[in-house]
Amino acid sequence: MSDYGGAVDEPPQTPRSRLADYAEMSGVPAAEAKVTPSPSPSPPQPDPQPAVRSVEAVVDYPVADDPEVDARRRAFAALLGEFRRTAVLVPLGDEGGPDGEPGLLTADFNGIRFLLAFSDEQALARYAQARGEFAREWTYRTILGAKLLDVAVPAAGVPCGVALDCADGPDGMVFPPVLGIVPDEAAVDRDEGEGDIA
């Protein structure tokens, strides 16, 4: 199998997404499974100075006597930092935004909206299969995690976080709209009077 869907000795064909390959492995014909990445104006670049302070800097945690608690906090801070520096796939939803362009795919849970993001096309394929929608075309954008947390979350206008690889059960990750993860004005746990959600 080549990157262009043909055999090595055949002339190159129209490029196809690896999502089609994953769908084929699941028994779905490649002609039915399509993913079209939308054009990105420029490759995402990490922000030189993140707009969000670290979890430890924002939240006044009591000193933990348990080293396991400290280890978990450090592990989460490292995971958050890695997510902020990583470009993820964000599918476009069916509904258009105010400018007529499709918005980012979201899901609401307990009054909080979550932007759905995926670490790679395999994770997106698992999500499509879990929804029974692996035969439809999945258009997505590649967005830096920091841009999702610092720009897209406050722009939602409602309490909003990010769900990464949500079809992967315990291997997925949720970044809720709390201090230290999203900008202060978008955090639901900020003190009243510190700002409103945009």
C-alpha atoms as a PDB file:
ATOM      1  CA  MET A   1       0.000   0.000   0.000  1.00  0.00           C
ATOM      2  CA  SER A   2       1.476   3.370  -0.931  1.00  0.00           C
ATOM      3  CA  ASP A   3       0.663   6.831   0.376  1.00  0.00           C
ATOM      4  CA  TYR A   4      -1.377   7.473  -2.757  1.00  0.00           C
ATOM      5  CA  GLY A   5      -3.599   4.417  -2.631  1.00  0.00           C
ATOM      6  CA  GLY A   6      -1.995   2.483  -5.497  1.00  0.00           C
ATOM      7  CA  ALA A   7       0.595  -0.203  -5.842  1.00  0.00           C
ATOM      8  CA  VAL A   8       4.264   0.738  -5.997  1.00  0.00           C
ATOM      9  CA  ASP A   9       4.555  -0.098  -9.715  1.00  0.00           C
ATOM     10  CA  GLU A  10       1.416   1.895 -10.709  1.00  0.00           C
ATOM     11  CA  PRO A  11       1.453   5.591 -11.598  1.00  0.00           C
ATOM     12  CA  PRO A  12       0.538   7.829  -8.623  1.00  0.00           C
ATOM     13  CA  GLN A  13      -3.142   8.504  -8.116  1.00  0.00           C
ATOM     14  CA  THR A  14      -4.950  11.178  -6.203  1.00  0.00           C
ATOM     15  CA  PRO A  15      -3.550  11.277  -2.646  1.00  0.00           C
ATOM     16  CA  ARG A  16      -5.813   9.730  -0.075  1.00  0.00           C
ATOM     17  CA  SER A  17      -5.922  10.026   3.664  1.00  0.00           C
ATOM     18  CA  ARG A  18      -4.581   7.336   5.918  1.00  0.00           C
ATOM     19  CA  LEU A  19      -8.003   7.415   7.571  1.00  0.00           C
ATOM     20  CA  ALA A  20      -9.243   5.542   4.514  1.00  0.00           C
ATOM     21  CA  ASP A  21      -6.628   2.859   5.211  1.00  0.00           C
ATOM     22  CA  TYR A  22      -7.755   2.547   8.814  1.00  0.00           C
ATOM     23  CA  ALA A  23     -11.371   2.338   7.727  1.00  0.00           C
ATOM     24  CA  GLU A  24     -10.444  -0.408   5.236  1.00  0.00           C
ATOM     25  CA  MET A  25      -8.875  -2.366   8.078  1.00  0.00           C
ATOM     26  CA  SER A  26     -12.249  -2.150   9.797  1.00  0.00           C
ATOM     27  CA  GLY A  27     -14.007  -3.561   6.734  1.00  0.00           C
ATOM     28  CA  VAL A  28     -15.187  -0.256   5.214  1.00  0.00           C
ATOM     29  CA  PRO A  29     -14.337   0.190   1.511  1.00  0.00           C
ATOM     30  CA  ALA A  30     -11.870   3.036   0.925  1.00  0.00           C
ATOM     31  CA  ALA A  31     -14.285   4.727  -1.475  1.00  0.00           C
ATOM     32  CA  GLU A  32     -16.701   5.262   1.421  1.00  0.00           C
ATOM     33  CA  ALA A  33     -14.197   6.586   3.963  1.00  0.00           C
ATOM     34  CA  LYS A  34     -12.834  10.026   3.158  1.00  0.00           C
ATOM     35  CA  VAL A  35     -10.978  12.633   5.159  1.00  0.00           C
ATOM     36  CA  THR A  36     -10.175  16.005   3.692  1.00  0.00           C
ATOM     37  CA  PRO A  37      -7.855  18.275   5.618  1.00  0.00           C
ATOM     38  CA  SER A  38      -8.829  21.889   5.188  1.00  0.00           C
ATOM     39  CA  PRO A  39      -6.140  24.265   4.032  1.00  0.00           C
ATOM     40  CA  SER A  40      -4.234  25.830   6.872  1.00  0.00           C
ATOM     41  CA  PRO A  41      -2.994  29.390   6.339  1.00  0.00           C
ATOM     42  CA  SER A  42       0.326  28.698   8.060  1.00  0.00           C
ATOM     43  CA  PRO A  43       1.819  25.957  10.187  1.00  0.00           C
ATOM     44  CA  PRO A  44       1.114  26.433  13.875  1.00  0.00           C
ATOM     45  CA  GLN A  45       3.943  27.943  15.881  1.00  0.00           C
ATOM     46  CA  PRO A  46       4.259  27.713  19.651  1.00  0.00           C
ATOM     47  CA  ASP A  47       3.688  30.918  21.547  1.00  0.00           C
ATOM     48  CA  PRO A  48       6.942  32.259  22.998  1.00  0.00           C
ATOM     49  CA  GLN A  49       5.165  33.086  26.276  1.00  0.00           C
ATOM     50  CA  PRO A  50       2.018  31.092  27.069  1.00  0.00           C
ATOM     51  CA  ALA A  51      -0.989  33.175  28.077  1.00  0.00           C
ATOM     52  CA  VAL A  52      -1.889  30.700  30.814  1.00  0.00           C
ATOM     53  CA  ARG A  53       0.071  30.398  34.024  1.00  0.00           C
ATOM     54  CA  SER A  54       0.992  26.958  35.297  1.00  0.00           C
ATOM     55  CA  VAL A  55      -1.441  25.041  37.471  1.00  0.00           C
ATOM     56  CA  GLU A  56       0.847  25.414  40.479  1.00  0.00           C
ATOM     57  CA  ALA A  57       1.212  29.204  39.943  1.00  0.00           C
ATOM     58  CA  VAL A  58      -2.533  29.819  39.797  1.00  0.00           C
ATOM     59  CA  VAL A  59      -4.016  27.470  42.343  1.00  0.00           C
ATOM     60  CA  ASP A  60      -2.835  27.754  45.914  1.00  0.00           C
ATOM     61  CA  TYR A  61      -2.551  24.061  46.692  1.00  0.00           C
ATOM     62  CA  PRO A  62      -1.918  23.062  50.265  1.00  0.00           C
ATOM     63  CA  VAL A  63       1.431  21.417  50.708  1.00  0.00           C
ATOM     64  CA  ALA A  64       0.838  17.742  50.101  1.00  0.00           C
ATOM     65  CA  ASP A  65       2.260  15.286  52.567  1.00  0.00           C
ATOM     66  CA  ASP A  66       1.719  12.562  50.006  1.00  0.00           C
ATOM     67  CA  PRO A  67       4.488  12.323  47.398  1.00  0.00           C
ATOM     68  CA  GLU A  68       2.051  10.541  45.067  1.00  0.00           C
ATOM     69  CA  VAL A  69      -0.166  13.656  44.949  1.00  0.00           C
ATOM     70  CA  ASP A  70       2.850  15.811  44.102  1.00  0.00           C
ATOM     71  CA  ALA A  71       3.910  13.347  41.415  1.00  0.00           C
ATOM     72  CA  ARG A  72       0.433  13.405  39.856  1.00  0.00           C
ATOM     73  CA  ARG A  73       0.424  17.217  39.811  1.00  0.00           C
ATOM     74  CA  ARG A  74       3.814  17.279  38.120  1.00  0.00           C
ATOM     75  CA  ALA A  75       2.716  14.621  35.621  1.00  0.00           C
ATOM     76  CA  PHE A  76      -0.418  16.592  34.734  1.00  0.00           C
ATOM     77  CA  ALA A  77       1.567  19.832  34.363  1.00  0.00           C
ATOM     78  CA  ALA A  78       3.948  18.011  31.987  1.00  0.00           C
ATOM     79  CA  LEU A  79       1.018  16.566  30.024  1.00  0.00           C
ATOM     80  CA  LEU A  80      -0.619  19.996  29.754  1.00  0.00           C
ATOM     81  CA  GLY A  81       2.652  21.516  28.559  1.00  0.00           C
ATOM     82  CA  GLU A  82       3.049  18.813  25.932  1.00  0.00           C
ATOM     83  CA  PHE A  83      -0.536  19.340  24.713  1.00  0.00           C
ATOM     84  CA  ARG A  84       0.049  23.103  24.431  1.00  0.00           C
ATOM     85  CA  ARG A  85       3.126  22.501  22.227  1.00  0.00           C
ATOM     86  CA  THR A  86       1.498  19.849  20.013  1.00  0.00           C
ATOM     87  CA  ALA A  87      -0.532  20.312  16.850  1.00  0.00           C
ATOM     88  CA  VAL A  88      -3.769  18.292  17.005  1.00  0.00           C
ATOM     89  CA  LEU A  89      -6.522  17.485  14.513  1.00  0.00           C
ATOM     90  CA  VAL A  90      -9.794  19.320  15.127  1.00  0.00           C
ATOM     91  CA  PRO A  91     -12.725  18.182  12.939  1.00  0.00           C
ATOM     92  CA  LEU A  92     -15.040  20.797  11.522  1.00  0.00           C
ATOM     93  CA  GLY A  93     -18.686  20.569  12.546  1.00  0.00           C
ATOM     94  CA  ASP A  94     -21.692  20.558  10.261  1.00  0.00           C
ATOM     95  CA  GLU A  95     -23.028  23.875  11.520  1.00  0.00           C
ATOM     96  CA  GLY A  96     -21.630  27.085  10.128  1.00  0.00           C
ATOM     97  CA  GLY A  97     -20.335  29.918  12.245  1.00  0.00           C
ATOM     98  CA  PRO A  98     -21.363  33.577  12.007  1.00  0.00           C
ATOM     99  CA  ASP A  99     -19.050  34.088   9.025  1.00  0.00           C
ATOM    100  CA  GLY A 100     -20.582  31.125   7.177  1.00  0.00           C
ATOM    101  CA  GLU A 101     -17.529  28.885   7.617  1.00  0.00           C
ATOM    102  CA  PRO A 102     -17.937  25.617   9.503  1.00  0.00           C
ATOM    103  CA  GLY A 103     -17.063  25.790  13.184  1.00  0.00           C
ATOM    104  CA  LEU A 104     -15.031  23.331  15.193  1.00  0.00           C
ATOM    105  CA  LEU A 105     -16.697  20.073  16.248  1.00  0.00           C
ATOM    106  CA  THR A 106     -17.947  20.259  19.837  1.00  0.00           C
ATOM    107  CA  ALA A 107     -19.847  18.169  22.349  1.00  0.00           C
ATOM    108  CA  ASP A 108     -21.718  19.421  25.420  1.00  0.00           C
ATOM    109  CA  PHE A 109     -21.481  17.567  28.734  1.00  0.00           C
ATOM    110  CA  ASN A 110     -22.988  18.743  32.034  1.00  0.00           C
ATOM    111  CA  GLY A 111     -23.331  22.326  30.827  1.00  0.00           C
ATOM    112  CA  ILE A 112     -19.767  22.563  29.518  1.00  0.00           C
ATOM    113  CA  ARG A 113     -18.882  22.588  25.836  1.00  0.00           C
ATOM    114  CA  PHE A 114     -15.814  20.634  24.786  1.00  0.00           C
ATOM    115  CA  LEU A 115     -13.873  21.143  21.571  1.00  0.00           C
ATOM    116  CA  LEU A 116     -13.054  17.696  20.200  1.00  0.00           C
ATOM    117  CA  ALA A 117      -9.401  17.229  19.275  1.00  0.00           C
ATOM    118  CA  PHE A 118      -7.473  14.177  18.141  1.00  0.00           C
ATOM    119  CA  SER A 119      -3.794  13.366  18.364  1.00  0.00           C
ATOM    120  CA  ASP A 120      -3.692  11.737  14.912  1.00  0.00           C
ATOM    121  CA  GLU A 121      -5.855  10.321  12.121  1.00  0.00           C
ATOM    122  CA  GLN A 122      -6.005   6.938  13.864  1.00  0.00           C
ATOM    123  CA  ALA A 123      -7.672   8.542  16.897  1.00  0.00           C
ATOM    124  CA  LEU A 124     -10.091  10.402  14.604  1.00  0.00           C
ATOM    125  CA  ALA A 125     -10.870   7.115  12.810  1.00  0.00           C
ATOM    126  CA  ARG A 126     -11.684   5.442  16.151  1.00  0.00           C
ATOM    127  CA  TYR A 127     -14.030   8.328  16.979  1.00  0.00           C
ATOM    128  CA  ALA A 128     -15.716   8.077  13.564  1.00  0.00           C
ATOM    129  CA  GLN A 129     -16.138   4.333  13.982  1.00  0.00           C
ATOM    130  CA  ALA A 130     -17.540   4.722  17.514  1.00  0.00           C
ATOM    131  CA  ARG A 131     -20.151   7.127  16.148  1.00  0.00           C
ATOM    132  CA  GLY A 132     -20.939   4.851  13.208  1.00  0.00           C
ATOM    133  CA  GLU A 133     -19.933   7.667  10.850  1.00  0.00           C
ATOM    134  CA  PHE A 134     -16.716   6.261   9.401  1.00  0.00           C
ATOM    135  CA  ALA A 135     -18.153   6.389   5.876  1.00  0.00           C
ATOM    136  CA  ARG A 136     -18.638  10.147   5.837  1.00  0.00           C
ATOM    137  CA  GLU A 137     -16.017  12.695   4.904  1.00  0.00           C
ATOM    138  CA  TRP A 138     -14.219  14.189   7.942  1.00  0.00           C
ATOM    139  CA  THR A 139     -12.741  17.596   7.251  1.00  0.00           C
ATOM    140  CA  TYR A 140     -10.379  18.864   9.930  1.00  0.00           C
ATOM    141  CA  ARG A 141      -7.861  21.549  10.762  1.00  0.00           C
ATOM    142  CA  THR A 142      -4.505  21.125  12.406  1.00  0.00           C
ATOM    143  CA  ILE A 143      -4.328  23.509  15.368  1.00  0.00           C
ATOM    144  CA  LEU A 144      -1.742  23.976  18.081  1.00  0.00           C
ATOM    145  CA  GLY A 145      -3.052  22.930  21.510  1.00  0.00           C
ATOM    146  CA  ALA A 146      -2.126  26.330  22.959  1.00  0.00           C
ATOM    147  CA  LYS A 147      -4.297  28.070  20.342  1.00  0.00           C
ATOM    148  CA  LEU A 148      -7.251  25.853  21.261  1.00  0.00           C
ATOM    149  CA  LEU A 149      -6.894  26.634  24.967  1.00  0.00           C
ATOM    150  CA  ASP A 150      -5.954  30.321  24.664  1.00  0.00           C
ATOM    151  CA  VAL A 151      -8.052  31.455  21.678  1.00  0.00           C
ATOM    152  CA  ALA A 152     -10.813  28.990  20.777  1.00  0.00           C
ATOM    153  CA  VAL A 153     -11.974  28.283  24.344  1.00  0.00           C
ATOM    154  CA  PRO A 154     -12.558  31.966  25.285  1.00  0.00           C
ATOM    155  CA  ALA A 155     -14.138  32.603  21.861  1.00  0.00           C
ATOM    156  CA  ALA A 156     -16.808  29.953  22.541  1.00  0.00           C
ATOM    157  CA  GLY A 157     -18.669  32.381  24.787  1.00  0.00           C
ATOM    158  CA  VAL A 158     -19.775  29.572  27.121  1.00  0.00           C
ATOM    159  CA  PRO A 159     -17.833  27.422  29.586  1.00  0.00           C
ATOM    160  CA  CYS A 160     -15.617  25.408  27.260  1.00  0.00           C
ATOM    161  CA  GLY A 161     -12.736  22.953  27.505  1.00  0.00           C
ATOM    162  CA  VAL A 162     -10.956  20.516  25.201  1.00  0.00           C
ATOM    163  CA  ALA A 163     -11.456  16.744  24.963  1.00  0.00           C
ATOM    164  CA  LEU A 164      -8.473  14.967  23.401  1.00  0.00           C
ATOM    165  CA  ASP A 165      -8.997  11.513  21.846  1.00  0.00           C
ATOM    166  CA  CYS A 166     -12.443  11.172  23.402  1.00  0.00           C
ATOM    167  CA  ALA A 167     -13.121   7.771  21.802  1.00  0.00           C
ATOM    168  CA  ASP A 168     -10.125   6.226  23.532  1.00  0.00           C
ATOM    169  CA  GLY A 169     -11.676   5.855  26.980  1.00  0.00           C
ATOM    170  CA  PRO A 170      -9.065   6.061  29.735  1.00  0.00           C
ATOM    171  CA  ASP A 171      -6.359   6.894  27.174  1.00  0.00           C
ATOM    172  CA  GLY A 172      -8.166  10.137  26.277  1.00  0.00           C
ATOM    173  CA  MET A 173      -7.675  13.396  28.163  1.00  0.00           C
ATOM    174  CA  VAL A 174      -9.986  16.210  29.204  1.00  0.00           C
ATOM    175  CA  PHE A 175      -8.758  19.763  29.727  1.00  0.00           C
ATOM    176  CA  PRO A 176     -11.607  21.442  31.639  1.00  0.00           C
ATOM    177  CA  PRO A 177     -12.153  25.211  31.734  1.00  0.00           C
ATOM    178  CA  VAL A 178     -10.397  25.839  35.049  1.00  0.00           C
ATOM    179  CA  LEU A 179      -7.620  28.136  36.242  1.00  0.00           C
ATOM    180  CA  GLY A 180      -4.205  27.052  35.071  1.00  0.00           C
ATOM    181  CA  ILE A 181      -5.553  25.341  31.956  1.00  0.00           C
ATOM    182  CA  VAL A 182      -7.520  28.055  30.140  1.00  0.00           C
ATOM    183  CA  PRO A 183      -7.153  31.839  30.348  1.00  0.00           C
ATOM    184  CA  ASP A 184      -8.417  33.280  33.631  1.00  0.00           C
ATOM    185  CA  GLU A 185     -11.396  35.024  31.997  1.00  0.00           C
ATOM    186  CA  ALA A 186     -12.655  31.693  30.590  1.00  0.00           C
ATOM    187  CA  ALA A 187     -12.170  29.664  33.776  1.00  0.00           C
ATOM    188  CA  VAL A 188     -15.279  28.565  35.649  1.00  0.00           C
ATOM    189  CA  ASP A 189     -13.473  28.383  38.998  1.00  0.00           C
ATOM    190  CA  ARG A 190     -12.219  31.973  39.094  1.00  0.00           C
ATOM    191  CA  ASP A 191     -13.380  34.304  41.850  1.00  0.00           C
ATOM    192  CA  GLU A 192     -16.539  36.244  40.992  1.00  0.00           C
ATOM    193  CA  GLY A 193     -15.836  39.707  39.655  1.00  0.00           C
ATOM    194  CA  GLU A 194     -12.483  38.719  38.101  1.00  0.00           C
ATOM    195  CA  GLY A 195     -13.923  38.833  34.586  1.00  0.00           C
ATOM    196  CA  ASP A 196     -16.634  37.423  32.405  1.00  0.00           C
ATOM    197  CA  ILE A 197     -16.564  34.786  29.737  1.00  0.00           C
ATOM    198  CA  ALA A 198     -16.298  36.540  26.390  1.00  0.00           C
END
